[in-house]
């Protein structure tokens, strides 16, 4: 498998017991002494992929950009020299930068694709800031971000949107133009930020070069795929408008991967070590292109992606990782009406350590709303309106014991309001989560909103025969829609409101947006209701 050589040693790059990773990322220590210089003037605009911020805390955020004056170069280096480059940043109270409150520099290295992730500290909580980068005489676009409220405060409300599944080949990212115009505190992205498959662009009217054809396997190719996606103006606008919280699903690496097992590795002649190498390079590229903190820096094929962020006492965001620690999908994956293996008590989607972390968080949190950022639907999805129970085996339906433990713990540990936000399905759902879906009389203990895709699946439709069937087969499902878009959320102390924002088409740009439906969850009343 081809890969990009790393002059920086693997141990130092990964930070195994050393300060190497921090130095690379934050521009400290040895890298400062190495005399990194700004990008040479005349090298071209290095900020072609925009700017971003993420994982807001009460005292700060992480900022991001990647220098790539020629982002589509086949070698994956974006037209940059193979040397460290110094990048300056500014954080200001105003977008004209007359009131700069933080100023500094970081070092962009070729080992991390000349991406930078400065973590800004000492900012005021619950406050709006503007930021920008500078190198080689070029200034980046201006980004807007916002810090979180302090842990003990009681914010009046929280406004955010969540999205997932943005297949570049399937259509235009118009929904992000509309999202950027919303009044939001933050955005949550629930995975499938990119797709690993080859692209041509012919179907969407924007053909691309031959370097994008063929499936993505190595670091250079993953960098190219991210560059293609991130150069989309609507996506850049949404990143620049709000801080993002991101967690991956499967397509950032490969469809339906499970732990150390690739789809291909299910064949007896495949070596899982090959997939771990692919996963390591996919994770590195993901880190290089998103506003992650150093805590999310990959260690080879492993990365700590599950994490918790608080929004005062109003809400906690608990971001789950349902890929790295799971068992292989039961019964060969796909769908099944007779897969007894999915009920095995020892089967896990989260892994024992992450599950304990999640449930301990239920007990310790003082937040009014517990928000689980989840990749694939937690609720039972029966696709047979008759007597059979035909379910998908990749989501939580393939790991019933883990789902039952989580939902039972939410009730038993006194979680005031548990709301799960989910991507993956390319459809909009609003439904109730039951303590035990096998028991018709089981109580509703939580609520789930499944958001549709940005583009995946093409134009979509309001209602489909599959949707009609799902509504008949799943009495806990209150709403179905199969158009493209995102979900806008307003949370206050009395209720949660989800607005399903949809566009009528993605095959051409310029689609308008509308709110197809709105559903609410009332404080201390689990389950969804039409607004």
Protein backbone atom coordinates (compact mmCIF):
# COMPACT_ATOMS: atom_id res chain seq x y z
CA UNK A 1 0.00 0.00 0.00
CA UNK A 2 1.58 3.34 -1.01
CA UNK A 3 2.08 5.96 1.68
CA UNK A 4 3.77 9.29 2.25
CA UNK A 5 7.14 9.06 4.02
CA UNK A 6 7.44 10.86 7.36
CA UNK A 7 10.82 12.46 8.12
CA UNK A 8 9.58 12.95 11.68
CA UNK A 9 9.92 9.70 13.62
CA UNK A 10 6.73 7.82 14.29
CA UNK A 11 7.31 7.90 18.06
CA UNK A 12 7.82 11.65 18.07
CA UNK A 13 4.93 12.29 15.69
CA UNK A 14 2.49 10.24 17.74
CA UNK A 15 3.63 11.68 21.04
CA UNK A 16 4.36 8.33 22.71
CA UNK A 17 5.66 9.62 26.00
CA UNK A 18 7.24 12.70 24.44
CA UNK A 19 6.46 16.33 23.71
CA UNK A 20 6.99 15.82 19.98
CA UNK A 21 3.33 15.95 18.97
CA UNK A 22 2.67 19.04 21.06
CA UNK A 23 5.68 20.76 19.55
CA UNK A 24 4.54 20.00 16.02
CA UNK A 25 1.01 21.15 16.71
CA UNK A 26 1.54 24.15 18.91
CA UNK A 27 4.82 25.56 17.66
CA UNK A 28 6.77 25.10 20.88
CA UNK A 29 10.15 23.80 21.92
CA UNK A 30 12.36 22.25 19.26
CA UNK A 31 10.23 23.37 16.37
CA UNK A 32 10.61 27.00 17.34
CA UNK A 33 14.36 26.51 17.59
CA UNK A 34 14.39 24.94 14.14
CA UNK A 35 13.71 28.40 12.73
CA UNK A 36 10.50 27.80 10.82
CA UNK A 37 9.82 30.72 8.50
CA UNK A 38 6.60 32.14 7.03
CA UNK A 39 5.60 30.82 3.65
CA UNK A 40 7.52 32.53 0.87
CA UNK A 41 5.72 35.47 -0.69
CA UNK A 42 4.28 34.76 -4.11
CA UNK A 43 3.62 31.09 -3.34
CA UNK A 44 -0.09 31.65 -3.88
CA UNK A 45 -3.06 31.72 -1.53
CA UNK A 46 -2.41 29.00 1.07
CA UNK A 47 -5.89 29.27 2.63
CA UNK A 48 -7.85 27.55 -0.16
CA UNK A 49 -9.50 25.18 2.31
CA UNK A 50 -10.80 27.90 4.62
CA UNK A 51 -10.70 28.14 8.39
CA UNK A 52 -12.57 26.46 11.22
CA UNK A 53 -12.94 26.29 14.99
CA UNK A 54 -14.18 23.52 17.22
CA UNK A 55 -14.81 21.83 20.56
CA UNK A 56 -15.71 25.06 22.42
CA UNK A 57 -14.91 25.26 26.12
CA UNK A 58 -15.76 28.07 28.58
CA UNK A 59 -12.27 29.55 28.24
CA UNK A 60 -11.40 28.85 24.66
CA UNK A 61 -11.63 26.90 21.41
CA UNK A 62 -9.33 25.14 18.99
CA UNK A 63 -8.71 26.93 15.68
CA UNK A 64 -7.82 25.23 12.39
CA UNK A 65 -6.50 25.81 8.92
CA UNK A 66 -4.41 23.84 6.47
CA UNK A 67 -1.97 25.50 4.08
CA UNK A 68 -2.60 24.25 0.54
CA UNK A 69 -2.02 26.73 -2.30
CA UNK A 70 -2.51 23.84 -4.77
CA UNK A 71 -4.91 21.55 -2.88
CA UNK A 72 -5.44 19.04 -5.69
CA UNK A 73 -1.80 18.09 -6.21
CA UNK A 74 -1.65 14.29 -6.49
CA UNK A 75 1.15 13.92 -3.93
CA UNK A 76 -1.13 15.16 -1.13
CA UNK A 77 1.14 18.02 -0.03
CA UNK A 78 -1.08 20.76 -1.43
CA UNK A 79 1.71 22.53 -3.29
CA UNK A 80 3.62 23.21 -0.06
CA UNK A 81 7.39 22.87 0.49
CA UNK A 82 8.59 19.92 2.56
CA UNK A 83 9.67 22.26 5.35
CA UNK A 84 7.99 23.70 8.47
CA UNK A 85 6.19 27.00 7.92
CA UNK A 86 5.28 29.55 10.58
CA UNK A 87 1.64 30.71 10.67
CA UNK A 88 0.41 33.64 12.74
CA UNK A 89 -3.08 33.86 14.21
CA UNK A 90 -5.19 36.59 15.80
CA UNK A 91 -8.35 36.40 17.91
CA UNK A 92 -10.45 39.53 18.26
CA UNK A 93 -13.66 40.80 19.77
CA UNK A 94 -14.60 42.36 16.43
CA UNK A 95 -14.39 41.18 12.84
CA UNK A 96 -12.20 44.17 11.84
CA UNK A 97 -9.59 43.11 14.43
CA UNK A 98 -9.50 46.43 16.24
CA UNK A 99 -9.79 44.65 19.59
CA UNK A 100 -7.35 41.74 19.37
CA UNK A 101 -7.28 39.69 22.58
CA UNK A 102 -4.96 36.83 21.54
CA UNK A 103 -2.10 36.83 19.07
CA UNK A 104 0.49 34.15 18.45
CA UNK A 105 2.07 31.78 15.96
CA UNK A 106 2.11 28.06 15.25
CA UNK A 107 4.24 25.85 13.05
CA UNK A 108 2.68 23.99 10.14
CA UNK A 109 4.71 20.88 9.34
CA UNK A 110 4.70 18.59 6.31
CA UNK A 111 4.25 15.63 8.67
CA UNK A 112 0.73 16.91 9.41
CA UNK A 113 -0.02 18.16 5.90
CA UNK A 114 0.82 21.73 6.97
CA UNK A 115 -2.31 21.85 9.13
CA UNK A 116 -2.39 23.79 12.40
CA UNK A 117 -4.61 23.39 15.46
CA UNK A 118 -3.78 26.16 17.97
CA UNK A 119 -5.72 25.77 21.19
CA UNK A 120 -6.73 29.20 22.45
CA UNK A 121 -7.10 29.70 26.19
CA UNK A 122 -8.06 32.55 28.51
CA UNK A 123 -11.10 33.74 26.59
CA UNK A 124 -14.32 34.92 28.21
CA UNK A 125 -17.01 32.25 28.55
CA UNK A 126 -20.17 32.35 26.43
CA UNK A 127 -18.69 35.00 24.17
CA UNK A 128 -18.34 35.62 20.43
CA UNK A 129 -14.89 36.01 18.87
CA UNK A 130 -13.39 36.41 15.41
CA UNK A 131 -10.12 34.87 14.20
CA UNK A 132 -7.80 34.73 11.20
CA UNK A 133 -4.43 33.38 10.10
CA UNK A 134 -1.54 34.96 8.20
CA UNK A 135 1.56 33.70 6.38
CA UNK A 136 3.55 34.59 3.26
CA UNK A 137 1.84 37.97 2.99
CA UNK A 138 -1.55 36.26 2.70
CA UNK A 139 -4.42 36.61 5.19
CA UNK A 140 -7.03 33.90 5.65
CA UNK A 141 -10.77 34.41 5.57
CA UNK A 142 -12.19 35.57 8.91
CA UNK A 143 -13.88 32.98 11.07
CA UNK A 144 -16.41 33.49 13.83
CA UNK A 145 -16.50 31.30 16.91
CA UNK A 146 -18.10 31.21 20.34
CA UNK A 147 -16.98 29.88 23.70
CA UNK A 148 -19.18 27.74 25.93
CA UNK A 149 -20.77 28.99 29.16
CA UNK A 150 -19.08 28.15 32.46
CA UNK A 151 -20.04 24.82 34.00
CA UNK A 152 -22.13 26.25 36.84
CA UNK A 153 -24.07 28.78 34.75
CA UNK A 154 -27.65 28.24 33.63
CA UNK A 155 -27.96 29.49 30.03
CA UNK A 156 -31.39 30.52 28.86
CA UNK A 157 -31.13 28.55 25.61
CA UNK A 158 -28.86 26.74 23.19
CA UNK A 159 -29.14 26.87 19.40
CA UNK A 160 -27.29 24.37 17.25
CA UNK A 161 -27.61 22.30 14.09
CA UNK A 162 -26.54 18.75 13.36
CA UNK A 163 -25.65 17.20 10.04
CA UNK A 164 -24.03 14.14 8.47
CA UNK A 165 -23.37 12.24 5.25
CA UNK A 166 -22.02 14.66 2.65
CA UNK A 167 -21.11 12.60 -0.41
CA UNK A 168 -19.48 15.05 -2.85
CA UNK A 169 -20.35 12.91 -5.85
CA UNK A 170 -24.06 12.83 -4.91
CA UNK A 171 -24.78 16.56 -5.11
CA UNK A 172 -24.11 20.14 -4.09
CA UNK A 173 -23.59 21.25 -0.49
CA UNK A 174 -26.28 23.94 -0.73
CA UNK A 175 -27.69 23.08 2.69
CA UNK A 176 -24.53 24.47 4.28
CA UNK A 177 -25.15 27.88 2.72
CA UNK A 178 -28.46 27.96 4.56
CA UNK A 179 -26.93 26.61 7.75
CA UNK A 180 -24.30 29.38 7.68
CA UNK A 181 -27.11 31.94 7.67
CA UNK A 182 -28.76 30.49 10.81
CA UNK A 183 -28.35 31.99 14.28
CA UNK A 184 -26.45 29.13 15.95
CA UNK A 185 -24.07 28.65 18.84
CA UNK A 186 -22.40 25.59 17.31
CA UNK A 187 -22.70 22.73 14.80
CA UNK A 188 -22.46 19.01 15.49
CA UNK A 189 -21.32 16.76 12.66
CA UNK A 190 -22.15 13.09 13.18
CA UNK A 191 -19.97 11.43 10.59
CA UNK A 192 -19.46 10.58 6.94
CA UNK A 193 -17.79 13.95 6.48
CA UNK A 194 -16.40 12.43 3.33
CA UNK A 195 -16.76 9.19 1.38
CA UNK A 196 -13.83 7.00 0.50
CA UNK A 197 -15.08 6.05 -2.96
CA UNK A 198 -13.64 7.47 -6.16
CA UNK A 199 -15.21 10.56 -7.71
CA UNK A 200 -15.65 11.91 -11.21
CA UNK A 201 -18.02 14.86 -10.65
CA UNK A 202 -19.73 14.25 -13.99
CA UNK A 203 -23.15 13.70 -12.43
CA UNK A 204 -23.06 17.00 -10.50
CA UNK A 205 -21.62 18.96 -13.43
CA UNK A 206 -18.16 19.59 -11.97
CA UNK A 207 -15.75 16.97 -13.35
CA UNK A 208 -12.46 16.42 -11.51
CA UNK A 209 -9.03 15.15 -12.49
CA UNK A 210 -7.90 11.53 -12.69
CA UNK A 211 -6.17 11.71 -9.28
CA UNK A 212 -9.64 11.43 -7.66
CA UNK A 213 -10.65 8.25 -9.44
CA UNK A 214 -10.49 4.97 -7.59
CA UNK A 215 -11.14 4.22 -3.93
CA UNK A 216 -9.17 6.03 -1.21
CA UNK A 217 -6.56 3.93 0.60
CA UNK A 218 -3.45 5.95 1.53
CA UNK A 219 -2.63 9.27 3.18
CA UNK A 220 -2.01 11.20 -0.03
CA UNK A 221 -5.36 10.11 -1.42
CA UNK A 222 -7.26 10.83 1.80
CA UNK A 223 -5.73 14.31 1.79
CA UNK A 224 -6.93 14.82 -1.77
CA UNK A 225 -10.43 13.67 -0.86
CA UNK A 226 -10.60 16.09 2.06
CA UNK A 227 -9.24 18.90 -0.11
CA UNK A 228 -11.97 18.29 -2.68
CA UNK A 229 -14.72 18.33 -0.05
CA UNK A 230 -13.36 21.23 1.98
CA UNK A 231 -12.92 23.47 -1.06
CA UNK A 232 -16.72 23.58 -1.40
CA UNK A 233 -17.73 27.18 -0.62
CA UNK A 234 -20.90 26.31 1.35
CA UNK A 235 -18.98 23.97 3.65
CA UNK A 236 -16.24 26.57 4.17
CA UNK A 237 -18.93 29.14 5.03
CA UNK A 238 -20.54 26.91 7.66
CA UNK A 239 -17.16 26.13 9.23
CA UNK A 240 -16.24 29.82 9.35
CA UNK A 241 -19.57 30.78 10.92
CA UNK A 242 -19.64 28.49 13.97
CA UNK A 243 -17.50 26.19 16.10
CA UNK A 244 -18.02 22.52 15.18
CA UNK A 245 -18.02 19.34 17.22
CA UNK A 246 -17.21 16.38 14.98
CA UNK A 247 -17.08 12.63 15.35
CA UNK A 248 -16.58 10.18 12.51
CA UNK A 249 -18.72 7.31 11.30
CA UNK A 250 -17.56 4.71 8.77
CA UNK A 251 -16.91 6.45 5.44
CA UNK A 252 -14.07 8.57 6.80
CA UNK A 253 -12.24 5.24 6.57
CA UNK A 254 -14.29 2.58 4.78
CA UNK A 255 -17.95 1.53 4.61
CA UNK A 256 -19.17 -0.44 7.65
CA UNK A 257 -15.77 -1.07 9.22
CA UNK A 258 -15.90 -2.55 12.70
CA UNK A 259 -12.98 -2.26 15.11
CA UNK A 260 -9.97 -3.80 13.39
CA UNK A 261 -12.13 -5.44 10.74
CA UNK A 262 -12.60 -4.08 7.24
CA UNK A 263 -15.45 -5.16 5.00
CA UNK A 264 -12.78 -6.79 2.86
CA UNK A 265 -11.20 -8.46 5.89
CA UNK A 266 -14.30 -10.59 6.27
CA UNK A 267 -12.78 -12.70 3.50
CA UNK A 268 -10.46 -15.40 4.91
CA UNK A 269 -7.47 -14.40 2.76
CA UNK A 270 -7.37 -10.79 4.01
CA UNK A 271 -4.95 -9.48 6.63
CA UNK A 272 -6.46 -7.14 9.29
CA UNK A 273 -3.06 -5.45 9.65
CA UNK A 274 -3.55 -3.97 6.19
CA UNK A 275 -6.79 -2.36 7.36
CA UNK A 276 -5.13 -0.99 10.49
CA UNK A 277 -2.56 0.73 8.28
CA UNK A 278 -5.36 2.19 6.18
CA UNK A 279 -7.22 3.32 9.30
CA UNK A 280 -4.10 5.02 10.66
CA UNK A 281 -3.70 7.06 7.49
CA UNK A 282 -7.43 7.85 7.32
CA UNK A 283 -7.40 9.04 10.94
CA UNK A 284 -4.35 11.20 10.33
CA UNK A 285 -6.00 12.87 7.34
CA UNK A 286 -9.19 13.37 9.35
CA UNK A 287 -7.21 15.05 12.12
CA UNK A 288 -5.37 17.22 9.59
CA UNK A 289 -8.61 18.58 8.14
CA UNK A 290 -10.86 19.14 11.17
CA UNK A 291 -10.70 21.39 14.25
CA UNK A 292 -9.67 18.67 16.69
CA UNK A 293 -7.71 19.22 19.87
CA UNK A 294 -4.40 17.51 20.58
CA UNK A 295 -6.35 15.01 22.70
CA UNK A 296 -7.76 13.65 19.44
CA UNK A 297 -4.37 13.30 17.73
CA UNK A 298 -4.25 9.72 16.40
CA UNK A 299 -1.79 7.18 17.76
CA UNK A 300 -1.40 5.10 14.65
CA UNK A 301 -4.78 3.46 13.96
CA UNK A 302 -6.23 4.59 17.33
CA UNK A 303 -7.72 7.92 18.38
CA UNK A 304 -9.66 9.07 21.43
CA UNK A 305 -12.75 10.47 19.67
CA UNK A 306 -15.41 9.95 22.35
CA UNK A 307 -15.52 12.97 24.59
CA UNK A 308 -17.87 15.18 26.55
CA UNK A 309 -18.45 18.93 26.22
CA UNK A 310 -20.74 20.90 28.50
CA UNK A 311 -22.97 23.89 27.82
CA UNK A 312 -23.40 25.12 31.36
CA UNK A 313 -26.03 23.24 33.34
CA UNK A 314 -28.38 23.34 30.36
CA UNK A 315 -26.84 20.57 28.28
CA UNK A 316 -24.00 18.07 28.00
CA UNK A 317 -22.82 16.83 24.61
CA UNK A 318 -21.54 13.27 24.88
CA UNK A 319 -19.95 12.28 21.59
CA UNK A 320 -19.88 8.53 21.06
CA UNK A 321 -17.51 6.44 18.97
CA UNK A 322 -19.43 3.46 17.62
CA UNK A 323 -16.70 2.25 15.22
CA UNK A 324 -13.35 1.70 16.94
CA UNK A 325 -14.44 -0.56 19.80
CA UNK A 326 -17.32 -2.56 18.35
CA UNK A 327 -17.55 -6.27 17.63
CA UNK A 328 -17.98 -7.30 14.02
CA UNK A 329 -21.53 -6.98 12.73
CA UNK A 330 -23.55 -10.14 13.45
CA UNK A 331 -24.71 -12.61 10.84
CA UNK A 332 -22.51 -11.20 8.11
CA UNK A 333 -23.90 -7.63 8.29
CA UNK A 334 -26.70 -6.37 6.02
CA UNK A 335 -30.30 -7.05 7.07
CA UNK A 336 -31.84 -10.04 8.75
CA UNK A 337 -35.16 -11.25 10.12
CA UNK A 338 -33.68 -14.24 11.95
CA UNK A 339 -30.28 -13.24 13.34
CA UNK A 340 -30.20 -14.59 16.89
CA UNK A 341 -26.59 -13.44 17.27
CA UNK A 342 -27.66 -9.81 17.54
CA UNK A 343 -29.15 -10.54 21.00
CA UNK A 344 -25.91 -11.99 22.40
CA UNK A 345 -25.28 -10.44 25.82
CA UNK A 346 -21.54 -10.23 25.17
CA UNK A 347 -21.84 -8.30 21.90
CA UNK A 348 -20.84 -4.64 22.13
CA UNK A 349 -21.05 -1.55 19.94
CA UNK A 350 -19.28 0.76 22.40
CA UNK A 351 -16.72 -1.48 24.06
CA UNK A 352 -16.74 -2.01 27.82
CA UNK A 353 -14.51 0.96 28.66
CA UNK A 354 -16.45 3.51 26.60
CA UNK A 355 -19.77 2.16 27.88
CA UNK A 356 -18.63 2.56 31.48
CA UNK A 357 -17.46 6.10 30.69
CA UNK A 358 -20.87 6.88 29.18
CA UNK A 359 -22.89 5.46 32.07
CA UNK A 360 -20.68 7.09 34.70
CA UNK A 361 -21.36 10.37 32.90
CA UNK A 362 -25.08 9.78 33.31
CA UNK A 363 -24.57 9.61 37.08
CA UNK A 364 -22.23 12.58 37.38
CA UNK A 365 -23.85 15.10 35.07
CA UNK A 366 -25.91 17.97 36.44
CA UNK A 367 -27.14 19.04 33.01
CA UNK A 368 -30.86 19.32 32.30
CA UNK A 369 -30.43 17.79 28.82
CA UNK A 370 -28.12 14.88 28.06
CA UNK A 371 -27.32 14.89 24.32
CA UNK A 372 -25.74 11.80 22.80
CA UNK A 373 -23.93 12.43 19.51
CA UNK A 374 -24.42 9.08 17.83
CA UNK A 375 -23.51 7.72 14.41
CA UNK A 376 -26.14 5.11 13.41
CA UNK A 377 -29.78 4.90 14.63
CA UNK A 378 -30.28 3.67 18.18
CA UNK A 379 -34.01 3.07 17.78
CA UNK A 380 -35.32 -0.21 16.44
CA UNK A 381 -35.82 -0.05 12.67
CA UNK A 382 -38.13 -2.82 11.50
CA UNK A 383 -38.40 -2.76 7.71
CA UNK A 384 -41.17 -5.38 7.58
CA UNK A 385 -44.70 -4.13 8.27
CA UNK A 386 -45.85 -7.76 8.68
CA UNK A 387 -45.10 -10.21 11.47
CA UNK A 388 -41.38 -10.54 10.78
CA UNK A 389 -38.79 -8.30 12.44
CA UNK A 390 -36.32 -7.41 9.68
CA UNK A 391 -33.60 -5.03 10.88
CA UNK A 392 -30.25 -3.61 9.78
CA UNK A 393 -27.32 -5.21 11.60
CA UNK A 394 -24.75 -2.39 11.46
CA UNK A 395 -26.62 0.05 13.80
CA UNK A 396 -27.69 -0.61 17.40
CA UNK A 397 -30.21 -3.23 16.20
CA UNK A 398 -27.20 -5.50 15.68
CA UNK A 399 -26.08 -4.92 19.30
CA UNK A 400 -29.30 -5.17 21.29
CA UNK A 401 -27.72 -5.84 24.69
CA UNK A 402 -25.60 -2.70 24.50
CA UNK A 403 -28.65 -0.61 23.55
CA UNK A 404 -30.68 -2.08 26.39
CA UNK A 405 -27.92 -1.39 28.92
CA UNK A 406 -27.61 2.25 27.86
CA UNK A 407 -31.33 2.99 27.83
CA UNK A 408 -31.97 1.14 31.10
CA UNK A 409 -29.12 3.02 32.76
CA UNK A 410 -30.53 6.35 31.61
CA UNK A 411 -33.76 5.59 33.45
CA UNK A 412 -32.21 3.85 36.47
CA UNK A 413 -29.61 6.58 37.03
CA UNK A 414 -32.17 9.35 36.85
CA UNK A 415 -31.17 11.10 33.64
CA UNK A 416 -33.59 14.00 33.46
CA UNK A 417 -33.80 14.21 29.66
CA UNK A 418 -31.88 11.96 27.28
CA UNK A 419 -31.97 12.97 23.61
CA UNK A 420 -30.00 11.09 20.98
CA UNK A 421 -28.99 12.88 17.77
CA UNK A 422 -28.01 10.60 14.91
CA UNK A 423 -26.89 10.56 11.29
CA UNK A 424 -26.11 7.75 8.81
CA UNK A 425 -29.57 6.88 7.48
CA UNK A 426 -30.05 9.65 4.82
CA UNK A 427 -33.57 10.06 6.20
CA UNK A 428 -35.25 12.20 8.85
CA UNK A 429 -36.90 10.45 11.81
CA UNK A 430 -38.42 11.56 15.07
CA UNK A 431 -39.12 8.64 17.39
CA UNK A 432 -39.29 7.36 20.94
CA UNK A 433 -36.65 5.15 22.50
CA UNK A 434 -37.99 2.25 24.55
CA UNK A 435 -36.24 0.63 27.47
CA UNK A 436 -36.82 -2.75 25.81
CA UNK A 437 -38.11 -2.81 22.24
CA UNK A 438 -38.96 -6.51 22.60
CA UNK A 439 -41.64 -5.62 25.18
CA UNK A 440 -44.66 -3.78 23.69
CA UNK A 441 -45.41 -2.32 27.11
CA UNK A 442 -41.90 -1.08 27.77
CA UNK A 443 -41.71 2.58 28.84
CA UNK A 444 -40.30 5.35 26.68
CA UNK A 445 -37.07 6.45 28.36
CA UNK A 446 -35.50 8.76 25.77
CA UNK A 447 -36.00 10.47 22.43
CA UNK A 448 -34.06 10.25 19.18
CA UNK A 449 -33.84 12.57 16.20
CA UNK A 450 -32.24 11.03 13.13
CA UNK A 451 -31.06 13.66 10.65
CA UNK A 452 -30.92 13.21 6.91
CA UNK A 453 -27.86 13.64 4.71
CA UNK A 454 -26.41 16.81 3.24
CA UNK A 455 -26.20 15.16 -0.20
CA UNK A 456 -25.93 11.36 0.10
CA UNK A 457 -28.74 9.63 -1.73
CA UNK A 458 -29.29 12.42 -4.24
CA UNK A 459 -32.36 14.63 -4.38
CA UNK A 460 -34.57 12.46 -2.21
CA UNK A 461 -38.32 12.77 -1.67
CA UNK A 462 -40.70 13.85 1.05
CA UNK A 463 -42.31 10.43 1.40
CA UNK A 464 -41.31 7.12 -0.16
CA UNK A 465 -42.80 3.61 -0.12
CA UNK A 466 -39.99 2.65 2.27
CA UNK A 467 -41.02 5.49 4.57
CA UNK A 468 -44.67 4.46 4.56
CA UNK A 469 -43.56 0.95 5.44
CA UNK A 470 -41.35 2.16 8.29
CA UNK A 471 -44.19 4.19 9.81
CA UNK A 472 -46.44 1.12 9.73
CA UNK A 473 -43.83 -1.24 11.13
CA UNK A 474 -42.50 0.99 13.93
CA UNK A 475 -45.16 2.47 16.23
CA UNK A 476 -42.47 4.43 18.08
CA UNK A 477 -41.72 6.37 14.87
CA UNK A 478 -43.63 9.66 14.70
CA UNK A 479 -42.09 11.25 11.61
CA UNK A 480 -40.35 10.23 8.39
CA UNK A 481 -38.90 12.29 5.54
CA UNK A 482 -36.33 11.46 2.85
CA UNK A 483 -35.16 14.86 1.57
CA UNK A 484 -31.70 16.34 2.06
CA UNK A 485 -30.76 18.95 4.67
CA UNK A 486 -29.98 19.22 8.39
CA UNK A 487 -31.73 19.54 11.76
CA UNK A 488 -31.86 22.86 13.61
CA UNK A 489 -32.29 22.59 17.38
CA UNK A 490 -33.40 25.06 20.02
CA UNK A 491 -33.08 23.90 23.63
CA UNK A 492 -34.29 25.83 26.65
CA UNK A 493 -35.12 24.88 30.21
CA UNK A 494 -38.65 23.76 29.40
CA UNK A 495 -38.36 21.98 26.03
CA UNK A 496 -36.29 20.78 23.11
CA UNK A 497 -37.37 21.68 19.57
CA UNK A 498 -36.02 20.04 16.38
CA UNK A 499 -36.76 21.69 13.04
CA UNK A 500 -36.17 19.42 10.06
CA UNK A 501 -34.70 21.80 7.47
CA UNK A 502 -34.82 20.39 3.92
CA UNK A 503 -33.90 21.37 0.37
CA UNK A 504 -35.89 20.09 -2.64
CA UNK A 505 -32.84 19.15 -4.74
CA UNK A 506 -29.05 18.80 -4.65
CA UNK A 507 -28.27 17.82 -8.23
CA UNK A 508 -27.90 21.52 -9.08
CA UNK A 509 -26.92 24.42 -6.78
CA UNK A 510 -29.21 27.13 -5.49
CA UNK A 511 -31.96 25.12 -3.80
CA UNK A 512 -34.19 27.01 -1.31
CA UNK A 513 -34.70 25.68 2.19
CA UNK A 514 -37.82 25.13 4.28
CA UNK A 515 -38.80 23.58 7.58
CA UNK A 516 -40.58 20.34 6.72
CA UNK A 517 -41.68 19.56 10.29
CA UNK A 518 -40.90 20.39 13.91
CA UNK A 519 -40.96 18.05 16.89
CA UNK A 520 -40.44 18.78 20.56
CA UNK A 521 -39.46 17.00 23.76
CA UNK A 522 -40.79 18.49 26.97
CA UNK A 523 -38.71 18.63 30.12
CA UNK A 524 -39.07 15.40 32.16
CA UNK A 525 -41.39 13.87 29.52
CA UNK A 526 -39.38 11.42 27.37
CA UNK A 527 -40.65 10.95 23.84
CA UNK A 528 -41.23 13.18 20.82
CA UNK A 529 -44.33 15.23 20.08
CA UNK A 530 -45.35 17.25 17.04
CA UNK A 531 -44.77 20.95 17.65
